[in-house]
N, C-alpha and C. Protein backbone atom coordinates (compact mmCIF):
# COMPACT_ATOMS: atom_id res chain seq x y z
N MET A 1 34.39 -97.01 53.46
CA MET A 1 35.42 -97.98 53.79
C MET A 1 34.76 -99.21 54.37
N ILE A 2 35.23 -100.35 53.92
CA ILE A 2 34.75 -101.60 54.50
C ILE A 2 35.90 -102.27 55.21
N GLY A 3 35.60 -103.01 56.23
CA GLY A 3 36.61 -103.72 57.01
C GLY A 3 36.42 -103.43 58.49
N ASP A 4 37.22 -104.08 59.29
CA ASP A 4 37.15 -103.95 60.74
C ASP A 4 38.04 -102.78 61.17
N ARG A 5 37.43 -101.74 61.64
CA ARG A 5 38.15 -100.51 62.00
C ARG A 5 38.79 -100.56 63.39
N ARG A 6 38.47 -101.56 64.16
CA ARG A 6 38.91 -101.59 65.56
C ARG A 6 40.42 -101.61 65.73
N ARG A 7 41.17 -102.04 64.75
CA ARG A 7 42.63 -102.10 64.88
C ARG A 7 43.31 -100.79 64.54
N PHE A 8 42.55 -99.83 64.02
CA PHE A 8 43.13 -98.54 63.65
C PHE A 8 43.16 -97.60 64.85
N GLN A 9 44.08 -96.66 64.81
CA GLN A 9 44.16 -95.64 65.84
C GLN A 9 42.89 -94.78 65.79
N PRO A 10 42.46 -94.23 66.92
CA PRO A 10 41.24 -93.42 66.96
C PRO A 10 41.22 -92.26 65.97
N ASP A 11 42.36 -91.61 65.75
CA ASP A 11 42.39 -90.49 64.81
C ASP A 11 42.15 -90.95 63.38
N ILE A 12 42.60 -92.15 63.04
CA ILE A 12 42.36 -92.69 61.70
C ILE A 12 40.89 -93.04 61.54
N VAL A 13 40.31 -93.66 62.54
CA VAL A 13 38.88 -94.00 62.51
C VAL A 13 38.04 -92.73 62.37
N GLU A 14 38.43 -91.68 63.09
CA GLU A 14 37.73 -90.40 63.00
C GLU A 14 37.85 -89.80 61.60
N SER A 15 39.03 -89.87 61.01
CA SER A 15 39.23 -89.35 59.66
C SER A 15 38.40 -90.12 58.64
N ILE A 16 38.33 -91.42 58.78
CA ILE A 16 37.52 -92.25 57.89
C ILE A 16 36.06 -91.83 58.00
N GLY A 17 35.58 -91.70 59.21
CA GLY A 17 34.19 -91.29 59.43
C GLY A 17 33.89 -89.92 58.84
N ARG A 18 34.81 -89.01 59.00
CA ARG A 18 34.63 -87.66 58.45
C ARG A 18 34.57 -87.70 56.92
N LEU A 19 35.47 -88.45 56.31
CA LEU A 19 35.48 -88.58 54.85
C LEU A 19 34.18 -89.21 54.34
N GLU A 20 33.72 -90.23 55.03
CA GLU A 20 32.45 -90.87 54.64
C GLU A 20 31.29 -89.89 54.74
N GLU A 21 31.27 -89.12 55.81
CA GLU A 21 30.19 -88.15 55.99
C GLU A 21 30.24 -87.05 54.93
N GLU A 22 31.44 -86.58 54.61
CA GLU A 22 31.59 -85.51 53.62
C GLU A 22 31.23 -85.96 52.21
N THR A 23 31.35 -87.24 51.94
CA THR A 23 31.06 -87.74 50.59
C THR A 23 29.75 -88.51 50.50
N ARG A 24 29.00 -88.55 51.59
CA ARG A 24 27.77 -89.34 51.67
C ARG A 24 26.78 -89.04 50.55
N ASN A 25 26.63 -87.82 50.15
CA ASN A 25 25.63 -87.44 49.15
C ASN A 25 26.19 -87.33 47.73
N ASN A 26 27.43 -87.74 47.55
CA ASN A 26 28.00 -87.73 46.20
C ASN A 26 27.28 -88.75 45.33
N THR A 27 27.20 -88.46 44.05
CA THR A 27 26.57 -89.39 43.11
C THR A 27 27.58 -89.77 42.03
N GLY A 28 27.25 -90.76 41.27
CA GLY A 28 28.14 -91.20 40.20
C GLY A 28 28.88 -92.45 40.62
N LEU A 29 30.18 -92.40 40.54
CA LEU A 29 31.03 -93.54 40.83
C LEU A 29 30.95 -93.92 42.31
N THR A 30 30.88 -95.22 42.57
CA THR A 30 30.97 -95.73 43.93
C THR A 30 32.40 -96.21 44.14
N PHE A 31 33.07 -95.63 45.10
CA PHE A 31 34.47 -95.94 45.39
C PHE A 31 34.54 -96.50 46.80
N VAL A 32 35.04 -97.72 46.93
CA VAL A 32 35.10 -98.38 48.22
C VAL A 32 36.55 -98.76 48.52
N VAL A 33 37.00 -98.42 49.71
CA VAL A 33 38.33 -98.81 50.17
C VAL A 33 38.15 -99.96 51.15
N ALA A 34 38.84 -101.05 50.91
CA ALA A 34 38.81 -102.19 51.82
C ALA A 34 40.11 -102.21 52.61
N ALA A 35 40.03 -101.99 53.91
CA ALA A 35 41.21 -101.99 54.77
C ALA A 35 40.92 -102.87 55.98
N ASN A 36 41.86 -103.72 56.31
CA ASN A 36 41.67 -104.71 57.36
C ASN A 36 40.37 -105.47 57.09
N TYR A 37 40.21 -105.89 55.84
CA TYR A 37 38.97 -106.51 55.38
C TYR A 37 39.18 -107.97 54.99
N GLY A 38 38.23 -108.78 55.35
CA GLY A 38 38.14 -110.16 54.91
C GLY A 38 36.67 -110.52 54.82
N GLY A 39 36.28 -111.21 53.77
CA GLY A 39 34.88 -111.55 53.57
C GLY A 39 34.30 -112.41 54.68
N ARG A 40 35.04 -113.39 55.13
CA ARG A 40 34.55 -114.23 56.22
C ARG A 40 34.38 -113.41 57.49
N ASP A 41 35.35 -112.54 57.77
CA ASP A 41 35.25 -111.69 58.96
C ASP A 41 34.06 -110.75 58.84
N GLU A 42 33.80 -110.23 57.64
CA GLU A 42 32.65 -109.35 57.45
C GLU A 42 31.36 -110.10 57.80
N ILE A 43 31.24 -111.33 57.34
CA ILE A 43 30.03 -112.12 57.63
C ILE A 43 29.95 -112.41 59.13
N ARG A 44 31.06 -112.73 59.75
CA ARG A 44 31.07 -112.97 61.20
C ARG A 44 30.61 -111.73 61.96
N ARG A 45 31.14 -110.57 61.58
CA ARG A 45 30.75 -109.34 62.26
C ARG A 45 29.28 -109.01 62.02
N ALA A 46 28.78 -109.31 60.82
CA ALA A 46 27.35 -109.08 60.52
C ALA A 46 26.48 -109.97 61.40
N VAL A 47 26.86 -111.21 61.55
CA VAL A 47 26.10 -112.14 62.40
C VAL A 47 26.10 -111.63 63.84
N MET A 48 27.24 -111.16 64.32
CA MET A 48 27.32 -110.65 65.68
C MET A 48 26.44 -109.42 65.87
N ARG A 49 26.43 -108.50 64.89
CA ARG A 49 25.58 -107.30 64.99
C ARG A 49 24.10 -107.68 64.97
N TYR A 50 23.74 -108.62 64.09
CA TYR A 50 22.35 -109.05 64.04
C TYR A 50 21.95 -109.70 65.36
N ALA A 51 22.81 -110.58 65.89
CA ALA A 51 22.51 -111.26 67.16
C ALA A 51 22.33 -110.25 68.29
N GLU A 52 23.17 -109.23 68.31
CA GLU A 52 23.03 -108.19 69.34
C GLU A 52 21.69 -107.47 69.21
N ASP A 53 21.32 -107.09 67.99
CA ASP A 53 20.04 -106.41 67.77
C ASP A 53 18.87 -107.32 68.09
N TYR A 54 18.96 -108.58 67.73
CA TYR A 54 17.88 -109.54 68.00
C TYR A 54 17.71 -109.72 69.50
N LYS A 55 18.84 -109.89 70.19
CA LYS A 55 18.81 -110.07 71.65
C LYS A 55 18.21 -108.85 72.34
N ALA A 56 18.50 -107.66 71.80
CA ALA A 56 17.99 -106.42 72.38
C ALA A 56 16.55 -106.14 71.96
N GLY A 57 15.97 -107.01 71.14
CA GLY A 57 14.58 -106.83 70.71
C GLY A 57 14.41 -105.78 69.62
N LYS A 58 15.51 -105.38 68.97
CA LYS A 58 15.43 -104.36 67.92
C LYS A 58 14.94 -104.91 66.59
N VAL A 59 15.10 -106.21 66.37
CA VAL A 59 14.66 -106.84 65.12
C VAL A 59 14.07 -108.21 65.44
N SER A 60 13.32 -108.71 64.50
CA SER A 60 12.87 -110.08 64.57
C SER A 60 13.19 -110.74 63.24
N PRO A 61 13.40 -112.05 63.22
CA PRO A 61 13.70 -112.71 61.95
C PRO A 61 12.62 -112.40 60.92
N GLY A 62 13.03 -112.11 59.71
CA GLY A 62 12.09 -111.79 58.65
C GLY A 62 11.65 -110.34 58.64
N ALA A 63 12.15 -109.53 59.57
CA ALA A 63 11.69 -108.15 59.69
C ALA A 63 12.04 -107.31 58.48
N PHE A 64 13.01 -107.72 57.70
CA PHE A 64 13.45 -106.92 56.56
C PHE A 64 12.82 -107.37 55.25
N ALA A 65 11.92 -108.31 55.31
CA ALA A 65 11.38 -108.90 54.09
C ALA A 65 10.34 -108.02 53.41
N GLY A 66 9.79 -107.06 54.09
CA GLY A 66 8.76 -106.22 53.50
C GLY A 66 7.38 -106.77 53.85
N PRO A 67 6.36 -105.92 53.80
CA PRO A 67 5.03 -106.31 54.27
C PRO A 67 4.35 -107.39 53.42
N ASP A 68 4.72 -107.51 52.15
CA ASP A 68 4.05 -108.48 51.28
C ASP A 68 4.80 -109.81 51.16
N ALA A 69 5.95 -109.91 51.76
CA ALA A 69 6.75 -111.12 51.62
C ALA A 69 6.17 -112.24 52.46
N LYS A 70 6.33 -113.44 51.99
CA LYS A 70 5.88 -114.63 52.72
C LYS A 70 7.11 -115.24 53.38
N VAL A 71 7.42 -114.77 54.58
CA VAL A 71 8.59 -115.24 55.30
C VAL A 71 8.11 -116.05 56.50
N PRO A 72 8.50 -117.33 56.55
CA PRO A 72 8.10 -118.13 57.71
C PRO A 72 8.62 -117.53 59.00
N GLU A 73 7.86 -117.66 60.05
CA GLU A 73 8.27 -117.14 61.36
C GLU A 73 9.63 -117.72 61.73
N GLY A 74 10.51 -116.88 62.17
CA GLY A 74 11.83 -117.31 62.60
C GLY A 74 12.86 -117.35 61.50
N GLU A 75 12.51 -116.97 60.27
CA GLU A 75 13.47 -117.01 59.17
C GLU A 75 14.08 -115.63 58.92
N LEU A 76 15.38 -115.60 58.80
CA LEU A 76 16.09 -114.37 58.44
C LEU A 76 16.27 -114.38 56.94
N THR A 77 15.80 -113.34 56.28
CA THR A 77 15.92 -113.27 54.82
C THR A 77 17.33 -112.85 54.41
N GLU A 78 17.65 -113.08 53.13
CA GLU A 78 18.94 -112.61 52.60
C GLU A 78 19.02 -111.09 52.71
N GLU A 79 17.93 -110.40 52.40
CA GLU A 79 17.93 -108.94 52.47
C GLU A 79 18.14 -108.48 53.91
N GLY A 80 17.51 -109.18 54.83
CA GLY A 80 17.68 -108.83 56.24
C GLY A 80 19.09 -109.01 56.71
N PHE A 81 19.71 -110.11 56.31
CA PHE A 81 21.10 -110.35 56.68
C PHE A 81 22.03 -109.34 56.03
N ALA A 82 21.80 -109.08 54.74
CA ALA A 82 22.67 -108.16 53.99
C ALA A 82 22.68 -106.76 54.60
N ALA A 83 21.62 -106.41 55.30
CA ALA A 83 21.55 -105.10 55.94
C ALA A 83 22.61 -104.93 57.03
N TYR A 84 23.20 -106.01 57.47
CA TYR A 84 24.22 -105.96 58.51
C TYR A 84 25.65 -106.04 57.95
N LEU A 85 25.78 -106.20 56.66
CA LEU A 85 27.11 -106.28 56.04
C LEU A 85 27.73 -104.90 55.91
N ASP A 86 29.04 -104.86 55.70
CA ASP A 86 29.75 -103.59 55.56
C ASP A 86 29.20 -102.76 54.41
N MET A 87 28.79 -103.40 53.33
CA MET A 87 28.33 -102.68 52.14
C MET A 87 26.80 -102.65 52.06
N ALA A 88 26.14 -102.60 53.18
CA ALA A 88 24.68 -102.65 53.20
C ALA A 88 24.03 -101.56 52.35
N ASP A 89 24.61 -100.40 52.32
CA ASP A 89 24.01 -99.29 51.57
C ASP A 89 24.73 -99.02 50.25
N ILE A 90 25.52 -99.99 49.79
CA ILE A 90 26.28 -99.86 48.55
C ILE A 90 25.86 -101.01 47.62
N PRO A 91 25.60 -100.73 46.37
CA PRO A 91 25.21 -101.82 45.45
C PRO A 91 26.30 -102.88 45.33
N ASP A 92 25.88 -104.12 45.11
CA ASP A 92 26.85 -105.18 44.86
C ASP A 92 27.65 -104.83 43.60
N PRO A 93 28.91 -105.22 43.55
CA PRO A 93 29.72 -104.88 42.37
C PRO A 93 29.25 -105.63 41.13
N ASP A 94 29.23 -104.93 40.02
CA ASP A 94 28.94 -105.57 38.74
C ASP A 94 30.15 -106.34 38.25
N LEU A 95 31.33 -105.82 38.55
CA LEU A 95 32.57 -106.39 38.05
C LEU A 95 33.60 -106.47 39.16
N VAL A 96 34.24 -107.63 39.27
CA VAL A 96 35.39 -107.81 40.14
C VAL A 96 36.57 -108.14 39.24
N ILE A 97 37.61 -107.35 39.33
CA ILE A 97 38.81 -107.59 38.53
C ILE A 97 39.83 -108.25 39.44
N ARG A 98 40.26 -109.43 39.04
CA ARG A 98 41.25 -110.18 39.82
C ARG A 98 42.60 -110.08 39.11
N THR A 99 43.55 -109.43 39.77
CA THR A 99 44.88 -109.27 39.19
C THR A 99 45.74 -110.50 39.49
N SER A 100 46.88 -110.56 38.87
CA SER A 100 47.95 -111.55 39.07
C SER A 100 47.59 -112.94 38.54
N GLY A 101 46.50 -113.05 37.78
CA GLY A 101 46.16 -114.33 37.17
C GLY A 101 45.56 -115.35 38.12
N GLU A 102 45.36 -114.98 39.36
CA GLU A 102 44.79 -115.91 40.33
C GLU A 102 43.32 -116.15 40.03
N LEU A 103 42.87 -117.39 40.17
CA LEU A 103 41.49 -117.76 39.87
C LEU A 103 40.70 -118.02 41.15
N ARG A 104 40.74 -117.09 42.05
CA ARG A 104 40.00 -117.21 43.31
C ARG A 104 39.65 -115.81 43.80
N LEU A 105 38.64 -115.73 44.67
CA LEU A 105 38.26 -114.44 45.24
C LEU A 105 39.14 -114.04 46.42
N SER A 106 39.85 -114.99 47.00
CA SER A 106 40.77 -114.71 48.10
C SER A 106 40.08 -113.98 49.26
N ASN A 107 38.91 -114.46 49.65
CA ASN A 107 38.21 -113.92 50.82
C ASN A 107 37.76 -112.48 50.61
N PHE A 108 37.52 -112.10 49.37
CA PHE A 108 37.15 -110.73 49.03
C PHE A 108 35.69 -110.68 48.59
N LEU A 109 34.86 -109.94 49.30
CA LEU A 109 33.45 -109.73 48.95
C LEU A 109 32.74 -111.04 48.63
N ILE A 110 32.91 -112.04 49.49
CA ILE A 110 32.35 -113.35 49.16
C ILE A 110 30.82 -113.38 49.17
N TRP A 111 30.18 -112.48 49.87
CA TRP A 111 28.72 -112.36 49.81
C TRP A 111 28.31 -111.48 48.63
N GLU A 112 28.91 -110.31 48.56
CA GLU A 112 28.50 -109.29 47.58
C GLU A 112 28.84 -109.67 46.14
N ALA A 113 29.87 -110.48 45.94
CA ALA A 113 30.30 -110.82 44.58
C ALA A 113 29.58 -112.05 44.02
N ALA A 114 28.54 -112.50 44.67
CA ALA A 114 27.85 -113.72 44.25
C ALA A 114 27.42 -113.66 42.78
N TYR A 115 26.97 -112.51 42.30
CA TYR A 115 26.52 -112.38 40.92
C TYR A 115 27.36 -111.39 40.12
N SER A 116 28.52 -111.07 40.63
CA SER A 116 29.44 -110.18 39.92
C SER A 116 30.11 -110.94 38.79
N GLU A 117 30.41 -110.23 37.74
CA GLU A 117 31.25 -110.80 36.69
C GLU A 117 32.70 -110.67 37.15
N ILE A 118 33.48 -111.69 36.89
CA ILE A 118 34.88 -111.68 37.30
C ILE A 118 35.75 -111.69 36.04
N VAL A 119 36.65 -110.73 35.97
CA VAL A 119 37.63 -110.70 34.89
C VAL A 119 38.99 -110.90 35.54
N VAL A 120 39.72 -111.88 35.03
CA VAL A 120 41.05 -112.19 35.56
C VAL A 120 42.09 -111.66 34.58
N THR A 121 43.06 -110.96 35.12
CA THR A 121 44.16 -110.44 34.32
C THR A 121 45.48 -110.92 34.93
N ASP A 122 46.43 -111.24 34.07
CA ASP A 122 47.75 -111.64 34.55
C ASP A 122 48.56 -110.46 35.07
N THR A 123 48.10 -109.25 34.80
CA THR A 123 48.81 -108.05 35.24
C THR A 123 48.84 -107.99 36.77
N LEU A 124 49.99 -107.71 37.32
CA LEU A 124 50.12 -107.55 38.76
C LEU A 124 49.58 -106.19 39.18
N TRP A 125 49.08 -106.07 40.40
CA TRP A 125 48.45 -104.83 40.85
C TRP A 125 49.35 -103.60 40.67
N PRO A 126 50.62 -103.66 41.01
CA PRO A 126 51.43 -102.43 40.83
C PRO A 126 51.52 -101.97 39.38
N ASP A 127 51.34 -102.90 38.44
CA ASP A 127 51.44 -102.57 37.02
C ASP A 127 50.08 -102.32 36.38
N PHE A 128 49.02 -102.46 37.15
CA PHE A 128 47.66 -102.28 36.61
C PHE A 128 47.46 -100.81 36.28
N ASP A 129 47.16 -100.52 35.00
CA ASP A 129 47.05 -99.13 34.57
C ASP A 129 45.72 -98.91 33.83
N ARG A 130 45.58 -97.72 33.29
CA ARG A 130 44.36 -97.33 32.58
C ARG A 130 44.05 -98.28 31.42
N ASP A 131 45.07 -98.64 30.65
CA ASP A 131 44.86 -99.51 29.50
C ASP A 131 44.34 -100.88 29.93
N GLU A 132 44.89 -101.40 31.02
CA GLU A 132 44.44 -102.70 31.52
C GLU A 132 43.01 -102.61 32.06
N LEU A 133 42.69 -101.51 32.73
CA LEU A 133 41.32 -101.30 33.20
C LEU A 133 40.35 -101.28 32.02
N LEU A 134 40.69 -100.56 30.98
CA LEU A 134 39.83 -100.48 29.80
C LEU A 134 39.68 -101.85 29.13
N ARG A 135 40.74 -102.64 29.12
CA ARG A 135 40.66 -103.99 28.58
C ARG A 135 39.69 -104.85 29.40
N CYS A 136 39.77 -104.75 30.73
CA CYS A 136 38.88 -105.51 31.61
C CYS A 136 37.43 -105.07 31.43
N ILE A 137 37.21 -103.78 31.28
CA ILE A 137 35.85 -103.28 31.06
C ILE A 137 35.32 -103.76 29.72
N ALA A 138 36.16 -103.77 28.70
CA ALA A 138 35.74 -104.27 27.38
C ALA A 138 35.34 -105.75 27.48
N GLU A 139 36.11 -106.53 28.23
CA GLU A 139 35.76 -107.94 28.45
C GLU A 139 34.41 -108.05 29.16
N PHE A 140 34.22 -107.25 30.19
CA PHE A 140 32.95 -107.24 30.93
C PHE A 140 31.78 -106.90 30.01
N ASN A 141 31.97 -105.94 29.12
CA ASN A 141 30.90 -105.49 28.23
C ASN A 141 30.48 -106.56 27.21
N LYS A 142 31.29 -107.58 27.02
CA LYS A 142 30.94 -108.68 26.11
C LYS A 142 30.02 -109.70 26.78
N ARG A 143 29.90 -109.62 28.08
CA ARG A 143 29.17 -110.63 28.84
C ARG A 143 27.66 -110.38 28.80
N SER A 144 26.92 -111.47 28.92
CA SER A 144 25.47 -111.41 29.06
C SER A 144 25.15 -111.78 30.50
N ARG A 145 24.70 -110.80 31.28
CA ARG A 145 24.48 -111.02 32.71
C ARG A 145 23.14 -111.68 32.95
N ARG A 146 23.15 -112.76 33.76
CA ARG A 146 21.93 -113.50 34.05
C ARG A 146 21.61 -113.55 35.53
N PHE A 147 22.48 -113.06 36.38
CA PHE A 147 22.26 -112.99 37.83
C PHE A 147 21.75 -114.31 38.39
N GLY A 148 22.39 -115.41 37.98
CA GLY A 148 22.04 -116.72 38.50
C GLY A 148 21.02 -117.45 37.66
N GLY A 149 20.36 -116.77 36.73
CA GLY A 149 19.38 -117.43 35.86
C GLY A 149 20.06 -118.18 34.74
N VAL A 150 19.29 -118.94 34.02
CA VAL A 150 19.85 -119.73 32.92
C VAL A 150 19.79 -118.96 31.62
């Protein structure tokens, strides 16, 4: 689950943690539930966690770059920052499906979706079904992914 859990009752937070622990070693499909989630808030919380760790001496800028990386002193790498995001241990999505015909991310996975393919469908979420999912996947499969390259 991604999002700010602080607004949930303790028993709900405990249930979420238990479910995550029970499914931690599952393989195959990655299923993520976003509750009380906003991309800007996720980045804000990541910055706060990094600042707390930095202040406590647990990390230094560039610490996540790896031993062979050329990171100037005092620079925080993208990889280092991403380690503090909600989806730090989950791959970035290959595909983001935007329902209702809207042409915006609406504060959803604004860091993680940087190189995701986006398929927009006019179908509203309550009406989104298996056939529409298969149509979106077929559209995705026609794409040539370049991950920011030309």
